[in-house]
Amino acid sequence: MSTPPYDPKRITPDLYGDRRPVEATIIALLHVSFKDRGLKLIDTKSRAVLKHDIHELMITDEKAAAPGGGANRVTAVAFFEITRGGIIVTGDDVTISVGKIGELVGYDMNHMPNHMNVLIRAPTVDEPPLAVGETLVFHRPV
């Protein structure tokens, strides 16, 4: 029996060729941290995000957080609106005006169809210096 082409184990970041960065605007700040969030990340490593979609940005410092896994130590930091749609992929760098704030590690669909939780990994779960109106960019690592 062969593995179906959509088997998550067969999808690696190398599968994705050149793609444009996805841009978003921070529209609301959040200030809540969890030690036992129980975030469940879907197996899928990429998501198409459409212009005007609104999603939630969350941060973890857990090294094991990955598609198909989960995260407990999580800080919810902002809601953002997509201003330039495209494809985001686990492993993407996530940047703001001061530089990289983390690496995209997965997606939690708990609140869909309202919004998707987009989880990034950073060295700490401390809130990055975000402001309403600031541009957030998802792009291939340089």
N, C-alpha and C. Protein backbone atom coordinates (compact mmCIF):
# COMPACT_ATOMS: atom_id res chain seq x y z
N MET A 1 0.85 -1.18 0.00
CA MET A 1 0.00 0.00 0.00
C MET A 1 0.90 1.24 0.00
N SER A 2 0.65 2.16 -0.90
CA SER A 2 1.47 3.37 -0.98
C SER A 2 0.91 4.46 -0.08
N THR A 3 1.78 5.39 0.26
CA THR A 3 1.39 6.53 1.09
C THR A 3 0.72 7.57 0.21
N PRO A 4 -0.43 8.10 0.63
CA PRO A 4 -1.10 9.12 -0.19
C PRO A 4 -0.22 10.37 -0.31
N PRO A 5 -0.34 11.12 -1.40
CA PRO A 5 0.52 12.28 -1.62
C PRO A 5 0.34 13.38 -0.58
N TYR A 6 -0.76 13.37 0.15
CA TYR A 6 -0.99 14.39 1.15
C TYR A 6 -0.52 13.98 2.54
N ASP A 7 0.15 12.85 2.66
CA ASP A 7 0.69 12.42 3.95
C ASP A 7 1.65 13.49 4.46
N PRO A 8 1.38 14.06 5.64
CA PRO A 8 2.21 15.15 6.15
C PRO A 8 3.70 14.82 6.26
N LYS A 9 4.04 13.54 6.44
CA LYS A 9 5.45 13.17 6.55
C LYS A 9 6.20 13.37 5.24
N ARG A 10 5.46 13.40 4.12
CA ARG A 10 6.09 13.56 2.82
C ARG A 10 6.23 15.03 2.42
N ILE A 11 5.59 15.91 3.15
CA ILE A 11 5.62 17.34 2.82
C ILE A 11 6.71 18.00 3.66
N THR A 12 7.73 18.50 2.99
CA THR A 12 8.82 19.21 3.66
C THR A 12 8.87 20.63 3.14
N PRO A 13 9.52 21.56 3.86
CA PRO A 13 9.62 22.94 3.37
C PRO A 13 10.27 23.02 1.99
N ASP A 14 11.12 22.05 1.63
CA ASP A 14 11.76 22.06 0.32
C ASP A 14 10.76 21.86 -0.82
N LEU A 15 9.59 21.33 -0.53
CA LEU A 15 8.56 21.13 -1.53
C LEU A 15 8.12 22.47 -2.13
N TYR A 16 8.16 23.51 -1.31
CA TYR A 16 7.69 24.82 -1.74
C TYR A 16 8.80 25.58 -2.44
N GLY A 17 8.52 26.05 -3.66
CA GLY A 17 9.47 26.85 -4.41
C GLY A 17 9.44 28.29 -3.94
N ASP A 18 9.93 29.16 -4.79
CA ASP A 18 9.92 30.58 -4.48
C ASP A 18 8.49 31.05 -4.27
N ARG A 19 8.26 31.91 -3.33
CA ARG A 19 6.93 32.47 -3.07
C ARG A 19 7.09 33.84 -2.45
N ARG A 20 6.11 34.66 -2.66
CA ARG A 20 6.20 36.02 -2.14
C ARG A 20 5.91 36.03 -0.64
N PRO A 21 6.45 37.01 0.07
CA PRO A 21 6.13 37.14 1.49
C PRO A 21 4.65 37.45 1.70
N VAL A 22 4.13 37.01 2.81
CA VAL A 22 2.76 37.34 3.21
C VAL A 22 2.86 38.47 4.21
N GLU A 23 2.05 39.50 4.01
CA GLU A 23 2.08 40.66 4.90
C GLU A 23 0.76 40.79 5.63
N ALA A 24 0.84 41.31 6.84
CA ALA A 24 -0.34 41.50 7.68
C ALA A 24 -0.15 42.75 8.53
N THR A 25 -1.25 43.25 9.05
CA THR A 25 -1.22 44.40 9.96
C THR A 25 -1.75 43.97 11.31
N ILE A 26 -1.03 44.35 12.37
CA ILE A 26 -1.50 44.07 13.73
C ILE A 26 -2.74 44.94 13.97
N ILE A 27 -3.85 44.31 14.38
CA ILE A 27 -5.09 45.05 14.59
C ILE A 27 -5.55 45.09 16.04
N ALA A 28 -5.01 44.22 16.88
CA ALA A 28 -5.36 44.21 18.30
C ALA A 28 -4.27 43.48 19.06
N LEU A 29 -3.96 43.99 20.24
CA LEU A 29 -2.95 43.34 21.09
C LEU A 29 -3.63 42.50 22.15
N LEU A 30 -2.99 41.40 22.51
CA LEU A 30 -3.47 40.52 23.56
C LEU A 30 -2.37 40.41 24.61
N HIS A 31 -2.75 40.15 25.84
CA HIS A 31 -1.78 40.03 26.93
C HIS A 31 -2.18 38.87 27.83
N VAL A 32 -2.02 37.66 27.32
CA VAL A 32 -2.38 36.51 28.13
C VAL A 32 -1.39 35.37 27.88
N SER A 33 -0.91 34.78 28.97
CA SER A 33 0.03 33.66 28.88
C SER A 33 -0.57 32.44 29.56
N PHE A 34 -0.19 31.28 29.03
CA PHE A 34 -0.67 30.01 29.56
C PHE A 34 0.52 29.10 29.83
N LYS A 35 0.42 28.31 30.89
CA LYS A 35 1.42 27.28 31.15
C LYS A 35 0.89 25.91 30.73
N ASP A 36 -0.43 25.83 30.52
CA ASP A 36 -1.07 24.56 30.19
C ASP A 36 -2.13 24.74 29.11
N ARG A 37 -1.80 25.48 28.04
CA ARG A 37 -2.77 25.85 26.99
C ARG A 37 -3.35 24.63 26.27
N GLY A 38 -2.56 23.60 26.08
CA GLY A 38 -3.05 22.42 25.37
C GLY A 38 -3.35 22.69 23.90
N LEU A 39 -2.58 23.57 23.31
CA LEU A 39 -2.75 23.89 21.89
C LEU A 39 -2.49 22.64 21.06
N LYS A 40 -3.38 22.33 20.13
CA LYS A 40 -3.24 21.15 19.27
C LYS A 40 -2.97 21.63 17.85
N LEU A 41 -1.78 21.36 17.34
CA LEU A 41 -1.39 21.81 16.01
C LEU A 41 -1.80 20.77 14.96
N ILE A 42 -2.39 21.25 13.88
CA ILE A 42 -2.77 20.35 12.81
C ILE A 42 -1.53 19.81 12.11
N ASP A 43 -1.67 18.69 11.40
CA ASP A 43 -0.55 18.06 10.70
C ASP A 43 -0.02 18.92 9.56
N THR A 44 -0.88 19.71 8.96
CA THR A 44 -0.54 20.47 7.77
C THR A 44 0.56 21.50 8.04
N LYS A 45 1.52 21.57 7.11
CA LYS A 45 2.66 22.47 7.29
C LYS A 45 2.48 23.81 6.59
N SER A 46 1.46 23.93 5.73
CA SER A 46 1.23 25.19 5.04
C SER A 46 -0.23 25.58 5.11
N ARG A 47 -0.47 26.85 4.93
CA ARG A 47 -1.83 27.38 4.90
C ARG A 47 -1.86 28.49 3.85
N ALA A 48 -2.93 28.53 3.09
CA ALA A 48 -3.20 29.68 2.23
C ALA A 48 -3.94 30.69 3.09
N VAL A 49 -3.46 31.91 3.12
CA VAL A 49 -4.13 32.97 3.88
C VAL A 49 -4.57 34.06 2.90
N LEU A 50 -5.81 34.45 3.03
CA LEU A 50 -6.41 35.38 2.08
C LEU A 50 -6.40 36.81 2.60
N LYS A 51 -6.30 37.74 1.67
CA LYS A 51 -6.37 39.16 2.04
C LYS A 51 -7.65 39.39 2.84
N HIS A 52 -7.52 40.13 3.91
CA HIS A 52 -8.60 40.50 4.84
C HIS A 52 -8.91 39.42 5.89
N ASP A 53 -8.33 38.22 5.77
CA ASP A 53 -8.50 37.22 6.84
C ASP A 53 -7.91 37.79 8.13
N ILE A 54 -8.51 37.42 9.25
CA ILE A 54 -7.99 37.81 10.56
C ILE A 54 -7.64 36.54 11.32
N HIS A 55 -6.42 36.54 11.90
CA HIS A 55 -5.93 35.39 12.65
C HIS A 55 -5.25 35.86 13.93
N GLU A 56 -4.98 34.91 14.82
CA GLU A 56 -4.36 35.20 16.11
C GLU A 56 -2.90 34.75 16.10
N LEU A 57 -2.01 35.60 16.61
CA LEU A 57 -0.59 35.28 16.71
C LEU A 57 -0.28 34.83 18.12
N MET A 58 0.33 33.65 18.25
CA MET A 58 0.70 33.10 19.54
C MET A 58 2.18 32.72 19.50
N ILE A 59 2.82 32.76 20.67
CA ILE A 59 4.25 32.46 20.77
C ILE A 59 4.47 31.35 21.79
N THR A 60 5.39 30.45 21.46
CA THR A 60 5.85 29.44 22.41
C THR A 60 7.37 29.40 22.36
N ASP A 61 7.97 28.89 23.43
CA ASP A 61 9.41 28.66 23.43
C ASP A 61 9.71 27.15 23.46
N GLU A 62 8.66 26.34 23.30
CA GLU A 62 8.82 24.89 23.35
C GLU A 62 9.49 24.38 22.08
N LYS A 63 10.63 23.74 22.24
CA LYS A 63 11.41 23.25 21.10
C LYS A 63 10.68 22.15 20.33
N ALA A 64 9.83 21.38 21.00
CA ALA A 64 9.15 20.25 20.36
C ALA A 64 7.88 20.65 19.61
N ALA A 65 7.44 21.91 19.72
CA ALA A 65 6.22 22.33 19.02
C ALA A 65 6.41 22.17 17.52
N ALA A 66 5.49 21.42 16.89
CA ALA A 66 5.59 21.12 15.46
C ALA A 66 4.23 20.65 14.96
N PRO A 67 4.02 20.66 13.63
CA PRO A 67 2.76 20.17 13.09
C PRO A 67 2.45 18.76 13.60
N GLY A 68 1.18 18.57 13.98
CA GLY A 68 0.75 17.29 14.52
C GLY A 68 1.00 17.14 16.01
N GLY A 69 1.71 18.10 16.59
CA GLY A 69 2.01 18.07 18.02
C GLY A 69 1.17 19.10 18.76
N GLY A 70 1.80 19.71 19.73
CA GLY A 70 1.07 20.70 20.51
C GLY A 70 2.01 21.61 21.26
N ALA A 71 1.42 22.47 22.07
CA ALA A 71 2.20 23.38 22.91
C ALA A 71 1.37 23.76 24.13
N ASN A 72 2.03 23.85 25.26
CA ASN A 72 1.37 24.25 26.50
C ASN A 72 1.80 25.65 26.94
N ARG A 73 3.10 25.93 26.88
CA ARG A 73 3.62 27.23 27.31
C ARG A 73 3.47 28.21 26.14
N VAL A 74 2.40 29.00 26.18
CA VAL A 74 2.00 29.84 25.05
C VAL A 74 1.58 31.22 25.53
N THR A 75 1.97 32.24 24.77
CA THR A 75 1.48 33.60 25.01
C THR A 75 0.72 34.05 23.77
N ALA A 76 -0.51 34.51 23.97
CA ALA A 76 -1.30 35.09 22.87
C ALA A 76 -0.94 36.57 22.83
N VAL A 77 -0.45 37.03 21.67
CA VAL A 77 0.08 38.40 21.61
C VAL A 77 -0.70 39.37 20.74
N ALA A 78 -1.40 38.88 19.70
CA ALA A 78 -2.07 39.84 18.82
C ALA A 78 -3.04 39.16 17.87
N PHE A 79 -3.93 39.95 17.32
CA PHE A 79 -4.71 39.58 16.16
C PHE A 79 -4.13 40.37 14.99
N PHE A 80 -4.09 39.75 13.83
CA PHE A 80 -3.56 40.43 12.66
C PHE A 80 -4.47 40.19 11.47
N GLU A 81 -4.48 41.17 10.54
CA GLU A 81 -5.27 41.08 9.32
C GLU A 81 -4.32 40.94 8.13
N ILE A 82 -4.56 39.96 7.29
CA ILE A 82 -3.73 39.74 6.10
C ILE A 82 -3.96 40.90 5.12
N THR A 83 -2.87 41.56 4.72
CA THR A 83 -2.96 42.65 3.74
C THR A 83 -2.41 42.23 2.39
N ARG A 84 -1.61 41.19 2.37
CA ARG A 84 -1.07 40.61 1.12
C ARG A 84 -1.09 39.10 1.30
N GLY A 85 -2.09 38.47 0.70
CA GLY A 85 -2.28 37.04 0.88
C GLY A 85 -1.20 36.20 0.22
N GLY A 86 -1.22 34.92 0.53
CA GLY A 86 -0.26 34.00 -0.04
C GLY A 86 -0.22 32.71 0.74
N ILE A 87 0.93 32.07 0.71
CA ILE A 87 1.14 30.78 1.37
C ILE A 87 2.15 30.97 2.50
N ILE A 88 1.77 30.55 3.71
CA ILE A 88 2.70 30.53 4.83
C ILE A 88 3.04 29.08 5.13
N VAL A 89 4.30 28.84 5.51
CA VAL A 89 4.80 27.48 5.68
C VAL A 89 5.59 27.38 6.98
N THR A 90 5.42 26.28 7.70
CA THR A 90 6.22 26.09 8.91
C THR A 90 7.69 26.25 8.55
N GLY A 91 8.42 26.92 9.43
CA GLY A 91 9.82 27.24 9.16
C GLY A 91 10.00 28.66 8.66
N ASP A 92 8.91 29.30 8.23
CA ASP A 92 9.00 30.69 7.79
C ASP A 92 9.47 31.58 8.93
N ASP A 93 10.25 32.60 8.59
CA ASP A 93 10.60 33.65 9.55
C ASP A 93 9.40 34.58 9.67
N VAL A 94 9.20 35.09 10.88
CA VAL A 94 8.14 36.07 11.12
C VAL A 94 8.83 37.33 11.64
N THR A 95 8.64 38.43 10.93
CA THR A 95 9.36 39.66 11.26
C THR A 95 8.41 40.84 11.44
N ILE A 96 8.91 41.82 12.18
CA ILE A 96 8.28 43.13 12.32
C ILE A 96 9.37 44.16 12.04
N SER A 97 9.08 45.42 12.27
CA SER A 97 10.03 46.48 11.92
C SER A 97 11.39 46.34 12.60
N VAL A 98 11.43 45.79 13.80
CA VAL A 98 12.71 45.66 14.52
C VAL A 98 13.46 44.38 14.17
N GLY A 99 12.86 43.52 13.34
CA GLY A 99 13.53 42.29 12.94
C GLY A 99 12.70 41.05 13.22
N LYS A 100 13.38 39.92 13.20
CA LYS A 100 12.73 38.62 13.38
C LYS A 100 12.23 38.46 14.81
N ILE A 101 10.97 38.01 14.93
CA ILE A 101 10.42 37.74 16.27
C ILE A 101 10.21 36.26 16.50
N GLY A 102 10.31 35.45 15.45
CA GLY A 102 10.13 34.02 15.64
C GLY A 102 10.08 33.27 14.33
N GLU A 103 9.83 31.97 14.48
CA GLU A 103 9.73 31.04 13.35
C GLU A 103 8.38 30.36 13.41
N LEU A 104 7.68 30.32 12.31
CA LEU A 104 6.36 29.70 12.24
C LEU A 104 6.47 28.20 12.51
N VAL A 105 5.69 27.70 13.49
CA VAL A 105 5.76 26.27 13.82
C VAL A 105 4.45 25.51 13.62
N GLY A 106 3.34 26.21 13.47
CA GLY A 106 2.11 25.47 13.25
C GLY A 106 0.84 26.27 13.43
N TYR A 107 -0.28 25.55 13.27
CA TYR A 107 -1.60 26.17 13.25
C TYR A 107 -2.56 25.36 14.12
N ASP A 108 -3.33 26.08 14.90
CA ASP A 108 -4.37 25.47 15.72
C ASP A 108 -5.71 25.99 15.19
N MET A 109 -6.64 25.08 14.93
CA MET A 109 -7.91 25.45 14.31
C MET A 109 -9.07 25.49 15.31
N ASN A 110 -8.76 25.55 16.59
CA ASN A 110 -9.76 25.51 17.65
C ASN A 110 -10.87 26.54 17.47
N HIS A 111 -10.56 27.74 17.00
CA HIS A 111 -11.55 28.82 16.90
C HIS A 111 -12.14 28.98 15.50
N MET A 112 -11.77 28.12 14.56
CA MET A 112 -12.32 28.23 13.20
C MET A 112 -13.81 27.91 13.23
N PRO A 113 -14.63 28.59 12.43
CA PRO A 113 -14.23 29.43 11.30
C PRO A 113 -13.97 30.89 11.65
N ASN A 114 -13.97 31.23 12.93
CA ASN A 114 -13.74 32.63 13.31
C ASN A 114 -12.31 33.08 12.98
N HIS A 115 -11.32 32.34 13.45
CA HIS A 115 -9.92 32.66 13.16
C HIS A 115 -9.05 31.44 13.44
N MET A 116 -7.86 31.47 12.87
CA MET A 116 -6.87 30.42 13.07
C MET A 116 -5.83 30.94 14.07
N ASN A 117 -5.36 30.08 14.95
CA ASN A 117 -4.23 30.42 15.81
C ASN A 117 -2.96 30.08 15.05
N VAL A 118 -2.09 31.06 14.87
CA VAL A 118 -0.82 30.87 14.17
C VAL A 118 0.27 30.91 15.24
N LEU A 119 0.98 29.80 15.41
CA LEU A 119 1.97 29.68 16.47
C LEU A 119 3.37 29.86 15.93
N ILE A 120 4.14 30.72 16.59
CA ILE A 120 5.55 30.89 16.25
C ILE A 120 6.40 30.51 17.46
N ARG A 121 7.65 30.10 17.17
CA ARG A 121 8.58 29.77 18.25
C ARG A 121 9.58 30.92 18.36
N ALA A 122 9.83 31.32 19.60
CA ALA A 122 10.80 32.37 19.91
C ALA A 122 11.63 31.89 21.09
N PRO A 123 12.75 32.54 21.36
CA PRO A 123 13.58 32.12 22.50
C PRO A 123 12.84 32.22 23.84
N THR A 124 11.85 33.10 23.91
CA THR A 124 11.09 33.29 25.14
C THR A 124 9.64 33.58 24.79
N VAL A 125 8.73 33.33 25.71
CA VAL A 125 7.31 33.63 25.47
C VAL A 125 6.98 35.07 25.86
N ASP A 126 7.99 35.87 26.17
CA ASP A 126 7.75 37.29 26.46
C ASP A 126 7.15 37.96 25.23
N GLU A 127 6.29 38.93 25.47
CA GLU A 127 5.63 39.63 24.36
C GLU A 127 6.64 40.45 23.58
N PRO A 128 6.66 40.31 22.25
CA PRO A 128 7.54 41.14 21.43
C PRO A 128 7.00 42.57 21.39
N PRO A 129 7.82 43.52 20.95
CA PRO A 129 7.39 44.93 20.93
C PRO A 129 6.45 45.22 19.76
N LEU A 130 5.20 44.79 19.88
CA LEU A 130 4.21 44.99 18.82
C LEU A 130 3.37 46.22 19.10
N ALA A 131 2.85 46.81 18.02
CA ALA A 131 1.94 47.94 18.13
C ALA A 131 0.83 47.78 17.11
N VAL A 132 -0.37 48.24 17.45
CA VAL A 132 -1.46 48.24 16.50
C VAL A 132 -1.04 49.07 15.29
N GLY A 133 -1.26 48.53 14.10
CA GLY A 133 -0.87 49.20 12.87
C GLY A 133 0.47 48.75 12.32
N GLU A 134 1.23 48.01 13.12
CA GLU A 134 2.54 47.53 12.69
C GLU A 134 2.39 46.42 11.66
N THR A 135 3.35 46.34 10.74
CA THR A 135 3.36 45.30 9.71
C THR A 135 4.07 44.05 10.22
N LEU A 136 3.45 42.92 9.98
CA LEU A 136 3.97 41.60 10.32
C LEU A 136 4.20 40.90 8.98
N VAL A 137 5.37 40.25 8.82
CA VAL A 137 5.69 39.59 7.55
C VAL A 137 6.08 38.14 7.80
N PHE A 138 5.52 37.23 7.00
CA PHE A 138 5.88 35.82 6.98
C PHE A 138 6.65 35.58 5.70
N HIS A 139 7.88 35.05 5.80
CA HIS A 139 8.67 34.83 4.59
C HIS A 139 9.65 33.68 4.78
N ARG A 140 10.10 33.14 3.63
CA ARG A 140 11.10 32.06 3.66
C ARG A 140 12.31 32.54 4.43
N PRO A 141 12.95 31.64 5.19
CA PRO A 141 14.19 32.05 5.89
C PRO A 141 15.25 32.50 4.88
N VAL A 142 16.00 33.49 5.29
CA VAL A 142 17.04 34.04 4.41
C VAL A 142 18.33 33.25 4.55
